[in-house]
């Protein structure tokens, strides 16, 4: 592939004018090699041949995936050849499908997809290969690869080109839906970013804010009660990690909290209890950053609202919702008065 020297990480279509024909020729050679290896497996099935398969299969797959998608460097013929090669490579490994191959426990030391912070834009197909492979792997297998797939997904979504942002969000969405291990994401964020609470640096938006925005978006769209429980429980962890900078997201938090309180997950009401805990943690974060007099006033107001909520626990849901909305609106008004530096 011709290297990309532009900041966008993309080349014009004419830069790939001769790529489809060359790719089709390479696919034909690799397919012929694959057929010969398959015959050797059937005749001998020796350790040496199986080792050769483990060495070559990753390279075959990455080459195939690069050229089977509809992109500026492919055409119908090159995509067809790439699909044939991928099917053959899957058969070599004894897998029944691409998904089974990619989700298998046996790892290969063969080719890798070079998606690094300093160089991922040099090779335009890399991000598309990564995204394609990622979405083929679902639960529970994706959990095993979280440490490898999360940082590149976050890297792509953090780019300032809209196309890359959309692709990165697509990857993050797949990870969240198929792993739902938000505590692990927070641990990884703590490595990638200094904590907004304890860094001692100006509180500028960073990846904590990016991921929380994605999580709040998914929380608003989620209708499955079991996933709502998981989201609501782990939202508290985000609030604790982010501290006072959570004020940047209060409007979104208001919509999520109200939405989750409106839907019952009886008999245990785990989602509602967790979302109330999130509201309490938010109040605590705000209170700890205030002067003493204002802190006491805020705590008094918040405590009063919680006492009213407890007192009205046997009243209609609409009354309880009014109390919660009042508490959230109070916090929102506070945000307008207090803006953290940075």
C-alpha atoms as a PDB file:
ATOM      1  CA  UNK A   1       0.000   0.000   0.000  1.00  0.00           C
ATOM      2  CA  UNK A   2       1.268   3.515  -0.737  1.00  0.00           C
ATOM      3  CA  UNK A   3       2.067   5.299   2.548  1.00  0.00           C
ATOM      4  CA  UNK A   4      -0.161   8.179   3.648  1.00  0.00           C
ATOM      5  CA  UNK A   5       1.774  11.359   4.378  1.00  0.00           C
ATOM      6  CA  UNK A   6      -1.317  13.537   4.826  1.00  0.00           C
ATOM      7  CA  UNK A   7      -2.597  14.456   8.273  1.00  0.00           C
ATOM      8  CA  UNK A   8      -5.998  12.982   7.459  1.00  0.00           C
ATOM      9  CA  UNK A   9      -4.503   9.526   7.004  1.00  0.00           C
ATOM     10  CA  UNK A  10      -6.301   9.148   3.675  1.00  0.00           C
ATOM     11  CA  UNK A  11      -5.182   9.235   0.050  1.00  0.00           C
ATOM     12  CA  UNK A  12      -7.206  10.054  -3.044  1.00  0.00           C
ATOM     13  CA  UNK A  13      -8.675   7.151  -5.014  1.00  0.00           C
ATOM     14  CA  UNK A  14      -6.233   7.515  -7.913  1.00  0.00           C
ATOM     15  CA  UNK A  15      -3.336   6.699  -5.561  1.00  0.00           C
ATOM     16  CA  UNK A  16      -4.676   3.136  -5.501  1.00  0.00           C
ATOM     17  CA  UNK A  17      -5.341   2.841  -9.230  1.00  0.00           C
ATOM     18  CA  UNK A  18      -3.145  -0.229  -9.755  1.00  0.00           C
ATOM     19  CA  UNK A  19      -3.733  -1.825  -6.345  1.00  0.00           C
ATOM     20  CA  UNK A  20      -6.800  -3.999  -7.182  1.00  0.00           C
ATOM     21  CA  UNK A  21      -5.047  -5.796 -10.037  1.00  0.00           C
ATOM     22  CA  UNK A  22      -1.909  -6.402  -7.973  1.00  0.00           C
ATOM     23  CA  UNK A  23      -3.966  -7.589  -5.012  1.00  0.00           C
ATOM     24  CA  UNK A  24      -5.897  -9.995  -7.221  1.00  0.00           C
ATOM     25  CA  UNK A  25      -2.630 -11.474  -8.490  1.00  0.00           C
ATOM     26  CA  UNK A  26      -1.251 -11.884  -4.983  1.00  0.00           C
ATOM     27  CA  UNK A  27      -4.516 -13.494  -3.831  1.00  0.00           C
ATOM     28  CA  UNK A  28      -4.233 -16.031  -6.650  1.00  0.00           C
ATOM     29  CA  UNK A  29      -0.692 -16.974  -5.600  1.00  0.00           C
ATOM     30  CA  UNK A  30      -1.596 -17.249  -1.914  1.00  0.00           C
ATOM     31  CA  UNK A  31      -4.709 -19.271  -2.743  1.00  0.00           C
ATOM     32  CA  UNK A  32      -2.618 -21.735  -4.762  1.00  0.00           C
ATOM     33  CA  UNK A  33      -0.196 -22.001  -1.828  1.00  0.00           C
ATOM     34  CA  UNK A  34      -3.109 -22.549   0.529  1.00  0.00           C
ATOM     35  CA  UNK A  35      -4.406 -25.404  -1.614  1.00  0.00           C
ATOM     36  CA  UNK A  36      -1.005 -27.110  -1.515  1.00  0.00           C
ATOM     37  CA  UNK A  37      -0.786 -26.738   2.262  1.00  0.00           C
ATOM     38  CA  UNK A  38      -4.298 -28.168   2.620  1.00  0.00           C
ATOM     39  CA  UNK A  39      -3.228 -31.241   0.621  1.00  0.00           C
ATOM     40  CA  UNK A  40      -0.171 -31.631   2.854  1.00  0.00           C
ATOM     41  CA  UNK A  41      -2.398 -31.485   5.924  1.00  0.00           C
ATOM     42  CA  UNK A  42      -4.643 -34.207   4.533  1.00  0.00           C
ATOM     43  CA  UNK A  43      -1.709 -36.422   3.512  1.00  0.00           C
ATOM     44  CA  UNK A  44       0.657 -35.889   6.437  1.00  0.00           C
ATOM     45  CA  UNK A  45      -0.866 -33.693   9.172  1.00  0.00           C
ATOM     46  CA  UNK A  46       2.631 -33.424  10.607  1.00  0.00           C
ATOM     47  CA  UNK A  47       3.693 -30.931  13.312  1.00  0.00           C
ATOM     48  CA  UNK A  48       5.769 -29.079  10.725  1.00  0.00           C
ATOM     49  CA  UNK A  49       2.783 -28.528   8.426  1.00  0.00           C
ATOM     50  CA  UNK A  50       0.543 -27.474  11.337  1.00  0.00           C
ATOM     51  CA  UNK A  51       3.243 -25.023  12.431  1.00  0.00           C
ATOM     52  CA  UNK A  52       3.353 -23.619   8.898  1.00  0.00           C
ATOM     53  CA  UNK A  53      -0.424 -23.086   9.011  1.00  0.00           C
ATOM     54  CA  UNK A  54      -0.191 -21.216  12.321  1.00  0.00           C
ATOM     55  CA  UNK A  55       2.550 -19.018  10.868  1.00  0.00           C
ATOM     56  CA  UNK A  56       0.860 -18.180   7.553  1.00  0.00           C
ATOM     57  CA  UNK A  57      -2.826 -18.037   8.496  1.00  0.00           C
ATOM     58  CA  UNK A  58      -2.661 -14.609  10.206  1.00  0.00           C
ATOM     59  CA  UNK A  59      -0.939 -13.052   7.185  1.00  0.00           C
ATOM     60  CA  UNK A  60      -3.467 -14.644   4.822  1.00  0.00           C
ATOM     61  CA  UNK A  61      -6.338 -13.324   6.925  1.00  0.00           C
ATOM     62  CA  UNK A  62      -5.036  -9.775   7.257  1.00  0.00           C
ATOM     63  CA  UNK A  63      -4.312  -9.567   3.532  1.00  0.00           C
ATOM     64  CA  UNK A  64      -7.770 -10.923   2.717  1.00  0.00           C
ATOM     65  CA  UNK A  65      -9.595  -8.584   5.101  1.00  0.00           C
ATOM     66  CA  UNK A  66      -7.664  -5.623   3.692  1.00  0.00           C
ATOM     67  CA  UNK A  67      -8.996  -6.322   0.214  1.00  0.00           C
ATOM     68  CA  UNK A  68     -12.482  -7.777   0.751  1.00  0.00           C
ATOM     69  CA  UNK A  69     -14.106  -4.541   1.911  1.00  0.00           C
ATOM     70  CA  UNK A  70     -15.456  -1.918  -0.470  1.00  0.00           C
ATOM     71  CA  UNK A  71     -12.680   0.675  -0.359  1.00  0.00           C
ATOM     72  CA  UNK A  72     -10.779   2.898  -2.830  1.00  0.00           C
ATOM     73  CA  UNK A  73      -8.072   0.210  -3.178  1.00  0.00           C
ATOM     74  CA  UNK A  74     -10.473  -2.623  -4.161  1.00  0.00           C
ATOM     75  CA  UNK A  75     -12.814  -3.552  -6.997  1.00  0.00           C
ATOM     76  CA  UNK A  76     -15.319  -6.356  -7.452  1.00  0.00           C
ATOM     77  CA  UNK A  77     -12.706  -8.796  -8.794  1.00  0.00           C
ATOM     78  CA  UNK A  78     -10.133  -8.148  -6.056  1.00  0.00           C
ATOM     79  CA  UNK A  79     -12.828  -8.431  -3.379  1.00  0.00           C
ATOM     80  CA  UNK A  80     -13.991 -11.745  -4.793  1.00  0.00           C
ATOM     81  CA  UNK A  81     -10.412 -13.102  -4.795  1.00  0.00           C
ATOM     82  CA  UNK A  82      -9.894 -11.878  -1.236  1.00  0.00           C
ATOM     83  CA  UNK A  83     -13.050 -13.670  -0.041  1.00  0.00           C
ATOM     84  CA  UNK A  84     -11.875 -16.907  -1.651  1.00  0.00           C
ATOM     85  CA  UNK A  85      -8.499 -16.602   0.064  1.00  0.00           C
ATOM     86  CA  UNK A  86     -10.100 -15.899   3.436  1.00  0.00           C
ATOM     87  CA  UNK A  87     -12.380 -18.919   3.101  1.00  0.00           C
ATOM     88  CA  UNK A  88      -9.371 -21.064   2.286  1.00  0.00           C
ATOM     89  CA  UNK A  89      -7.381 -19.679   5.220  1.00  0.00           C
ATOM     90  CA  UNK A  90     -10.240 -20.411   7.600  1.00  0.00           C
ATOM     91  CA  UNK A  91     -10.401 -23.964   6.280  1.00  0.00           C
ATOM     92  CA  UNK A  92      -6.656 -24.435   6.813  1.00  0.00           C
ATOM     93  CA  UNK A  93      -7.041 -23.755  10.525  1.00  0.00           C
ATOM     94  CA  UNK A  94      -9.861 -26.257  10.904  1.00  0.00           C
ATOM     95  CA  UNK A  95     -12.328 -23.524  11.829  1.00  0.00           C
ATOM     96  CA  UNK A  96     -15.919 -23.491  10.611  1.00  0.00           C
ATOM     97  CA  UNK A  97     -16.156 -19.711  10.246  1.00  0.00           C
ATOM     98  CA  UNK A  98     -14.187 -16.491  10.478  1.00  0.00           C
ATOM     99  CA  UNK A  99     -15.836 -15.808  13.827  1.00  0.00           C
ATOM    100  CA  UNK A 100     -14.720 -19.159  15.199  1.00  0.00           C
ATOM    101  CA  UNK A 101     -11.192 -18.592  13.923  1.00  0.00           C
ATOM    102  CA  UNK A 102     -10.899 -15.133  15.473  1.00  0.00           C
ATOM    103  CA  UNK A 103     -12.509 -16.200  18.761  1.00  0.00           C
ATOM    104  CA  UNK A 104     -10.385 -19.315  19.218  1.00  0.00           C
ATOM    105  CA  UNK A 105      -8.274 -19.792  22.325  1.00  0.00           C
ATOM    106  CA  UNK A 106      -5.195 -20.882  20.380  1.00  0.00           C
ATOM    107  CA  UNK A 107      -3.098 -17.812  19.649  1.00  0.00           C
ATOM    108  CA  UNK A 108      -0.685 -17.401  16.777  1.00  0.00           C
ATOM    109  CA  UNK A 109       2.635 -15.606  16.745  1.00  0.00           C
ATOM    110  CA  UNK A 110       2.151 -14.576  13.129  1.00  0.00           C
ATOM    111  CA  UNK A 111       1.292 -11.232  11.569  1.00  0.00           C
ATOM    112  CA  UNK A 112      -0.222  -8.373  13.526  1.00  0.00           C
ATOM    113  CA  UNK A 113      -2.123  -5.274  12.559  1.00  0.00           C
ATOM    114  CA  UNK A 114       0.276  -2.301  13.098  1.00  0.00           C
ATOM    115  CA  UNK A 115      -2.159   0.153  14.686  1.00  0.00           C
ATOM    116  CA  UNK A 116       0.177   2.385  16.708  1.00  0.00           C
ATOM    117  CA  UNK A 117      -0.326   5.957  17.900  1.00  0.00           C
ATOM    118  CA  UNK A 118       2.617   7.280  15.883  1.00  0.00           C
ATOM    119  CA  UNK A 119       2.017   5.456  12.604  1.00  0.00           C
ATOM    120  CA  UNK A 120      -1.582   4.259  12.198  1.00  0.00           C
ATOM    121  CA  UNK A 121      -2.374   6.998   9.687  1.00  0.00           C
ATOM    122  CA  UNK A 122       0.518   5.958   7.461  1.00  0.00           C
ATOM    123  CA  UNK A 123      -1.415   2.907   6.267  1.00  0.00           C
ATOM    124  CA  UNK A 124      -5.023   3.787   5.506  1.00  0.00           C
ATOM    125  CA  UNK A 125      -6.429   0.210   5.404  1.00  0.00           C
ATOM    126  CA  UNK A 126      -5.169  -0.653   8.906  1.00  0.00           C
ATOM    127  CA  UNK A 127      -8.057   0.995  10.773  1.00  0.00           C
ATOM    128  CA  UNK A 128     -10.605  -0.742   8.527  1.00  0.00           C
ATOM    129  CA  UNK A 129      -8.944  -4.138   9.028  1.00  0.00           C
ATOM    130  CA  UNK A 130      -8.919  -3.585  12.790  1.00  0.00           C
ATOM    131  CA  UNK A 131     -12.596  -2.569  12.852  1.00  0.00           C
ATOM    132  CA  UNK A 132     -13.663  -5.486  10.663  1.00  0.00           C
ATOM    133  CA  UNK A 133     -11.822  -8.044  12.784  1.00  0.00           C
ATOM    134  CA  UNK A 134     -13.053  -6.520  16.037  1.00  0.00           C
ATOM    135  CA  UNK A 135     -16.745  -6.734  15.209  1.00  0.00           C
ATOM    136  CA  UNK A 136     -16.402 -10.412  14.251  1.00  0.00           C
ATOM    137  CA  UNK A 137     -15.503 -11.272  17.847  1.00  0.00           C
ATOM    138  CA  UNK A 138     -18.378 -11.219  20.311  1.00  0.00           C
ATOM    139  CA  UNK A 139     -19.016 -12.233  23.890  1.00  0.00           C
ATOM    140  CA  UNK A 140     -17.574 -13.967  25.815  1.00  0.00           C
ATOM    141  CA  UNK A 141     -14.368 -14.218  23.756  1.00  0.00           C
ATOM    142  CA  UNK A 142     -13.782 -10.496  23.312  1.00  0.00           C
ATOM    143  CA  UNK A 143     -13.054 -10.172  27.037  1.00  0.00           C
ATOM    144  CA  UNK A 144      -9.747 -12.002  26.529  1.00  0.00           C
ATOM    145  CA  UNK A 145      -8.553  -9.339  24.078  1.00  0.00           C
ATOM    146  CA  UNK A 146      -9.846  -6.217  25.810  1.00  0.00           C
ATOM    147  CA  UNK A 147      -6.402  -4.870  26.698  1.00  0.00           C
ATOM    148  CA  UNK A 148      -5.404  -5.077  23.031  1.00  0.00           C
ATOM    149  CA  UNK A 149      -8.542  -3.758  21.319  1.00  0.00           C
ATOM    150  CA  UNK A 150      -9.640  -0.983  23.671  1.00  0.00           C
ATOM    151  CA  UNK A 151      -6.646   1.415  23.321  1.00  0.00           C
ATOM    152  CA  UNK A 152      -6.721   1.398  19.469  1.00  0.00           C
ATOM    153  CA  UNK A 153     -10.497   1.944  19.483  1.00  0.00           C
ATOM    154  CA  UNK A 154     -10.074   4.886  21.817  1.00  0.00           C
ATOM    155  CA  UNK A 155      -7.190   6.200  19.695  1.00  0.00           C
ATOM    156  CA  UNK A 156      -9.320   6.204  16.537  1.00  0.00           C
ATOM    157  CA  UNK A 157     -12.332   7.790  18.252  1.00  0.00           C
ATOM    158  CA  UNK A 158     -10.113  10.541  19.682  1.00  0.00           C
ATOM    159  CA  UNK A 159      -9.040  11.711  16.218  1.00  0.00           C
ATOM    160  CA  UNK A 160     -10.284  15.076  14.981  1.00  0.00           C
ATOM    161  CA  UNK A 161     -11.459  13.779  11.583  1.00  0.00           C
ATOM    162  CA  UNK A 162     -15.145  12.878  11.627  1.00  0.00           C
ATOM    163  CA  UNK A 163     -14.681   9.681   9.618  1.00  0.00           C
ATOM    164  CA  UNK A 164     -12.209   8.372  12.187  1.00  0.00           C
ATOM    165  CA  UNK A 165     -14.361   9.460  15.119  1.00  0.00           C
ATOM    166  CA  UNK A 166     -17.325   7.547  13.732  1.00  0.00           C
ATOM    167  CA  UNK A 167     -15.235   4.435  13.132  1.00  0.00           C
ATOM    168  CA  UNK A 168     -13.764   4.624  16.643  1.00  0.00           C
ATOM    169  CA  UNK A 169     -17.185   5.038  18.257  1.00  0.00           C
ATOM    170  CA  UNK A 170     -18.382   2.040  16.235  1.00  0.00           C
ATOM    171  CA  UNK A 171     -15.529  -0.014  17.736  1.00  0.00           C
ATOM    172  CA  UNK A 172     -16.153   1.248  21.279  1.00  0.00           C
ATOM    173  CA  UNK A 173     -19.855   0.513  20.939  1.00  0.00           C
ATOM    174  CA  UNK A 174     -19.098  -3.086  19.979  1.00  0.00           C
ATOM    175  CA  UNK A 175     -16.723  -3.451  22.932  1.00  0.00           C
ATOM    176  CA  UNK A 176     -19.225  -2.087  25.437  1.00  0.00           C
ATOM    177  CA  UNK A 177     -22.042  -4.280  24.104  1.00  0.00           C
ATOM    178  CA  UNK A 178     -19.960  -7.452  24.075  1.00  0.00           C
ATOM    179  CA  UNK A 179     -17.806  -7.002  27.150  1.00  0.00           C
ATOM    180  CA  UNK A 180     -19.621  -4.574  29.514  1.00  0.00           C
ATOM    181  CA  UNK A 181     -16.618  -4.394  31.825  1.00  0.00           C
ATOM    182  CA  UNK A 182     -16.631  -0.707  32.584  1.00  0.00           C
ATOM    183  CA  UNK A 183     -14.356  -1.121  35.637  1.00  0.00           C
ATOM    184  CA  UNK A 184     -11.698  -2.558  33.306  1.00  0.00           C
ATOM    185  CA  UNK A 185     -12.125   0.385  30.966  1.00  0.00           C
ATOM    186  CA  UNK A 186     -11.617   2.718  33.914  1.00  0.00           C
ATOM    187  CA  UNK A 187      -8.437   0.865  34.897  1.00  0.00           C
ATOM    188  CA  UNK A 188      -7.134   1.214  31.349  1.00  0.00           C
ATOM    189  CA  UNK A 189      -8.048   4.898  31.326  1.00  0.00           C
ATOM    190  CA  UNK A 190      -6.075   5.370  34.512  1.00  0.00           C
ATOM    191  CA  UNK A 191      -3.024   4.135  32.613  1.00  0.00           C
ATOM    192  CA  UNK A 192      -3.717   6.179  29.470  1.00  0.00           C
ATOM    193  CA  UNK A 193      -4.706   9.344  31.350  1.00  0.00           C
ATOM    194  CA  UNK A 194      -3.813  10.844  34.688  1.00  0.00           C
ATOM    195  CA  UNK A 195      -6.777  10.932  37.026  1.00  0.00           C
ATOM    196  CA  UNK A 196      -8.817  14.142  36.692  1.00  0.00           C
ATOM    197  CA  UNK A 197      -9.082  14.225  40.477  1.00  0.00           C
ATOM    198  CA  UNK A 198      -5.502  13.680  41.588  1.00  0.00           C
ATOM    199  CA  UNK A 199      -3.336  14.759  38.662  1.00  0.00           C
ATOM    200  CA  UNK A 200      -2.760  18.276  40.004  1.00  0.00           C
ATOM    201  CA  UNK A 201      -3.026  19.543  36.418  1.00  0.00           C
ATOM    202  CA  UNK A 202      -5.689  21.858  34.981  1.00  0.00           C
ATOM    203  CA  UNK A 203      -8.900  19.929  34.624  1.00  0.00           C
ATOM    204  CA  UNK A 204      -9.043  19.818  30.854  1.00  0.00           C
ATOM    205  CA  UNK A 205     -11.333  17.346  29.067  1.00  0.00           C
ATOM    206  CA  UNK A 206      -9.605  14.053  28.327  1.00  0.00           C
ATOM    207  CA  UNK A 207     -10.447  10.422  27.588  1.00  0.00           C
ATOM    208  CA  UNK A 208     -12.359  10.063  30.842  1.00  0.00           C
ATOM    209  CA  UNK A 209     -14.806  12.599  29.431  1.00  0.00           C
ATOM    210  CA  UNK A 210     -14.854  10.928  25.999  1.00  0.00           C
ATOM    211  CA  UNK A 211     -15.662   7.487  27.382  1.00  0.00           C
ATOM    212  CA  UNK A 212     -18.244   8.836  29.833  1.00  0.00           C
ATOM    213  CA  UNK A 213     -20.029  10.599  26.957  1.00  0.00           C
ATOM    214  CA  UNK A 214     -20.176   7.299  25.064  1.00  0.00           C
ATOM    215  CA  UNK A 215     -21.409   5.450  28.151  1.00  0.00           C
ATOM    216  CA  UNK A 216     -24.143   8.016  28.804  1.00  0.00           C
ATOM    217  CA  UNK A 217     -25.218   7.728  25.159  1.00  0.00           C
ATOM    218  CA  UNK A 218     -25.482   3.952  25.442  1.00  0.00           C
ATOM    219  CA  UNK A 219     -27.307   4.274  28.760  1.00  0.00           C
ATOM    220  CA  UNK A 220     -29.930   6.506  27.164  1.00  0.00           C
ATOM    221  CA  UNK A 221     -30.482   4.047  24.308  1.00  0.00           C
ATOM    222  CA  UNK A 222     -30.418   0.848  26.392  1.00  0.00           C
ATOM    223  CA  UNK A 223     -33.772  -0.852  27.081  1.00  0.00           C
ATOM    224  CA  UNK A 224     -32.642  -4.246  28.436  1.00  0.00           C
ATOM    225  CA  UNK A 225     -33.056  -4.241  32.208  1.00  0.00           C
ATOM    226  CA  UNK A 226     -30.038  -6.447  32.930  1.00  0.00           C
ATOM    227  CA  UNK A 227     -27.723  -4.123  30.977  1.00  0.00           C
ATOM    228  CA  UNK A 228     -29.336  -1.095  32.619  1.00  0.00           C
ATOM    229  CA  UNK A 229     -28.391  -2.557  36.005  1.00  0.00           C
ATOM    230  CA  UNK A 230     -24.771  -2.990  34.891  1.00  0.00           C
ATOM    231  CA  UNK A 231     -24.558   0.518  33.452  1.00  0.00           C
ATOM    232  CA  UNK A 232     -26.147   2.156  36.491  1.00  0.00           C
ATOM    233  CA  UNK A 233     -23.862   0.302  38.903  1.00  0.00           C
ATOM    234  CA  UNK A 234     -20.703   1.270  37.054  1.00  0.00           C
ATOM    235  CA  UNK A 235     -21.749   4.865  36.470  1.00  0.00           C
ATOM    236  CA  UNK A 236     -20.950   5.418  40.147  1.00  0.00           C
ATOM    237  CA  UNK A 237     -17.340   4.380  39.486  1.00  0.00           C
ATOM    238  CA  UNK A 238     -16.992   7.003  36.755  1.00  0.00           C
ATOM    239  CA  UNK A 239     -18.320   9.696  39.070  1.00  0.00           C
ATOM    240  CA  UNK A 240     -15.908   8.697  41.844  1.00  0.00           C
ATOM    241  CA  UNK A 241     -12.930   8.692  39.453  1.00  0.00           C
ATOM    242  CA  UNK A 242     -13.795  12.015  37.811  1.00  0.00           C
ATOM    243  CA  UNK A 243     -14.709  13.980  40.926  1.00  0.00           C
ATOM    244  CA  UNK A 244     -15.774  17.596  40.469  1.00  0.00           C
ATOM    245  CA  UNK A 245     -15.221  17.528  36.693  1.00  0.00           C
ATOM    246  CA  UNK A 246     -18.422  15.503  36.486  1.00  0.00           C
ATOM    247  CA  UNK A 247     -20.151  18.918  36.311  1.00  0.00           C
ATOM    248  CA  UNK A 248     -19.337  18.949  32.590  1.00  0.00           C
ATOM    249  CA  UNK A 249     -21.841  16.135  32.115  1.00  0.00           C
ATOM    250  CA  UNK A 250     -24.655  17.147  34.477  1.00  0.00           C
ATOM    251  CA  UNK A 251     -27.218  17.767  31.734  1.00  0.00           C
ATOM    252  CA  UNK A 252     -26.662  14.301  30.294  1.00  0.00           C
ATOM    253  CA  UNK A 253     -26.671  12.806  33.788  1.00  0.00           C
ATOM    254  CA  UNK A 254     -30.034  14.442  34.444  1.00  0.00           C
ATOM    255  CA  UNK A 255     -31.604  12.743  31.425  1.00  0.00           C
ATOM    256  CA  UNK A 256     -30.090   9.363  32.300  1.00  0.00           C
ATOM    257  CA  UNK A 257     -31.088   9.514  35.972  1.00  0.00           C
ATOM    258  CA  UNK A 258     -34.668  10.524  35.196  1.00  0.00           C
ATOM    259  CA  UNK A 259     -34.935   7.907  32.454  1.00  0.00           C
ATOM    260  CA  UNK A 260     -33.686   5.097  34.678  1.00  0.00           C
ATOM    261  CA  UNK A 261     -35.961   6.090  37.554  1.00  0.00           C
ATOM    262  CA  UNK A 262     -38.990   6.021  35.270  1.00  0.00           C
ATOM    263  CA  UNK A 263     -38.597   2.303  34.475  1.00  0.00           C
ATOM    264  CA  UNK A 264     -39.040  -0.290  37.206  1.00  0.00           C
ATOM    265  CA  UNK A 265     -36.774  -3.329  37.403  1.00  0.00           C
ATOM    266  CA  UNK A 266     -38.771  -4.951  40.219  1.00  0.00           C
ATOM    267  CA  UNK A 267     -38.599  -6.823  42.462  1.00  0.00           C
ATOM    268  CA  UNK A 268     -35.038  -5.851  43.446  1.00  0.00           C
ATOM    269  CA  UNK A 269     -34.952  -2.426  41.738  1.00  0.00           C
ATOM    270  CA  UNK A 270     -31.182  -2.673  41.270  1.00  0.00           C
ATOM    271  CA  UNK A 271     -31.008  -0.120  38.464  1.00  0.00           C
ATOM    272  CA  UNK A 272     -33.015   2.459  40.399  1.00  0.00           C
ATOM    273  CA  UNK A 273     -30.981   1.975  43.576  1.00  0.00           C
ATOM    274  CA  UNK A 274     -27.716   2.311  41.667  1.00  0.00           C
ATOM    275  CA  UNK A 275     -28.851   5.404  39.811  1.00  0.00           C
ATOM    276  CA  UNK A 276     -29.844   7.014  43.121  1.00  0.00           C
ATOM    277  CA  UNK A 277     -26.365   6.155  44.394  1.00  0.00           C
ATOM    278  CA  UNK A 278     -24.957   7.923  41.327  1.00  0.00           C
ATOM    279  CA  UNK A 279     -27.018  11.000  42.192  1.00  0.00           C
ATOM    280  CA  UNK A 280     -25.713  10.921  45.750  1.00  0.00           C
ATOM    281  CA  UNK A 281     -22.088  10.570  44.590  1.00  0.00           C
ATOM    282  CA  UNK A 282     -22.553  13.511  42.237  1.00  0.00           C
ATOM    283  CA  UNK A 283     -23.869  15.596  45.108  1.00  0.00           C
ATOM    284  CA  UNK A 284     -20.895  14.563  47.256  1.00  0.00           C
ATOM    285  CA  UNK A 285     -18.426  15.550  44.502  1.00  0.00           C
ATOM    286  CA  UNK A 286     -20.000  18.979  44.232  1.00  0.00           C
ATOM    287  CA  UNK A 287     -20.160  19.478  47.962  1.00  0.00           C
ATOM    288  CA  UNK A 288     -16.498  18.694  48.595  1.00  0.00           C
ATOM    289  CA  UNK A 289     -15.429  21.507  46.224  1.00  0.00           C
ATOM    290  CA  UNK A 290     -17.500  24.240  47.856  1.00  0.00           C
ATOM    291  CA  UNK A 291     -16.633  26.725  50.592  1.00  0.00           C
ATOM    292  CA  UNK A 292     -17.802  25.530  53.996  1.00  0.00           C
ATOM    293  CA  UNK A 293     -20.961  27.642  54.131  1.00  0.00           C
ATOM    294  CA  UNK A 294     -22.146  26.661  50.659  1.00  0.00           C
ATOM    295  CA  UNK A 295     -21.183  23.044  51.311  1.00  0.00           C
ATOM    296  CA  UNK A 296     -23.406  22.916  54.386  1.00  0.00           C
ATOM    297  CA  UNK A 297     -26.244  24.501  52.460  1.00  0.00           C
ATOM    298  CA  UNK A 298     -25.940  22.008  49.586  1.00  0.00           C
ATOM    299  CA  UNK A 299     -25.711  19.007  51.931  1.00  0.00           C
ATOM    300  CA  UNK A 300     -28.748  20.243  53.836  1.00  0.00           C
ATOM    301  CA  UNK A 301     -30.758  20.628  50.639  1.00  0.00           C
ATOM    302  CA  UNK A 302     -29.683  17.235  49.290  1.00  0.00           C
ATOM    303  CA  UNK A 303     -30.372  15.508  52.615  1.00  0.00           C
ATOM    304  CA  UNK A 304     -33.804  17.112  52.746  1.00  0.00           C
ATOM    305  CA  UNK A 305     -34.603  15.786  49.272  1.00  0.00           C
ATOM    306  CA  UNK A 306     -33.488  12.264  50.205  1.00  0.00           C
ATOM    307  CA  UNK A 307     -35.560  12.349  53.385  1.00  0.00           C
ATOM    308  CA  UNK A 308     -38.569  13.426  51.374  1.00  0.00           C
ATOM    309  CA  UNK A 309     -37.913  10.593  48.921  1.00  0.00           C
ATOM    310  CA  UNK A 310     -37.826   8.080  51.762  1.00  0.00           C
ATOM    311  CA  UNK A 311     -41.006   9.537  53.265  1.00  0.00           C
ATOM    312  CA  UNK A 312     -42.803   9.328  49.917  1.00  0.00           C
ATOM    313  CA  UNK A 313     -41.683   5.776  49.131  1.00  0.00           C
ATOM    314  CA  UNK A 314     -45.286   4.575  49.216  1.00  0.00           C
ATOM    315  CA  UNK A 315     -46.600   7.435  47.130  1.00  0.00           C
ATOM    316  CA  UNK A 316     -47.124   7.386  43.370  1.00  0.00           C
ATOM    317  CA  UNK A 317     -44.051   7.327  41.163  1.00  0.00           C
ATOM    318  CA  UNK A 318     -44.856  10.800  39.811  1.00  0.00           C
ATOM    319  CA  UNK A 319     -44.369  12.331  43.263  1.00  0.00           C
ATOM    320  CA  UNK A 320     -41.026  10.588  43.734  1.00  0.00           C
ATOM    321  CA  UNK A 321     -39.929  11.684  40.274  1.00  0.00           C
ATOM    322  CA  UNK A 322     -40.795  15.304  41.089  1.00  0.00           C
ATOM    323  CA  UNK A 323     -38.504  15.159  44.116  1.00  0.00           C
ATOM    324  CA  UNK A 324     -35.621  13.650  42.130  1.00  0.00           C
ATOM    325  CA  UNK A 325     -36.000  16.162  39.311  1.00  0.00           C
ATOM    326  CA  UNK A 326     -35.988  18.955  41.887  1.00  0.00           C
ATOM    327  CA  UNK A 327     -32.682  17.642  43.265  1.00  0.00           C
ATOM    328  CA  UNK A 328     -31.141  17.392  39.812  1.00  0.00           C
ATOM    329  CA  UNK A 329     -32.333  20.845  38.809  1.00  0.00           C
ATOM    330  CA  UNK A 330     -30.768  22.203  41.978  1.00  0.00           C
ATOM    331  CA  UNK A 331     -27.427  20.661  40.965  1.00  0.00           C
ATOM    332  CA  UNK A 332     -27.795  22.052  37.437  1.00  0.00           C
ATOM    333  CA  UNK A 333     -28.378  25.555  38.777  1.00  0.00           C
ATOM    334  CA  UNK A 334     -25.317  25.106  40.945  1.00  0.00           C
ATOM    335  CA  UNK A 335     -23.235  24.209  37.889  1.00  0.00           C
ATOM    336  CA  UNK A 336     -24.139  27.550  36.304  1.00  0.00           C
ATOM    337  CA  UNK A 337     -22.812  29.337  39.366  1.00  0.00           C
ATOM    338  CA  UNK A 338     -19.677  27.271  39.823  1.00  0.00           C
ATOM    339  CA  UNK A 339     -17.311  26.437  36.979  1.00  0.00           C
ATOM    340  CA  UNK A 340     -14.071  24.617  37.898  1.00  0.00           C
ATOM    341  CA  UNK A 341     -10.898  26.185  36.573  1.00  0.00           C
ATOM    342  CA  UNK A 342      -9.650  24.640  33.362  1.00  0.00           C
END
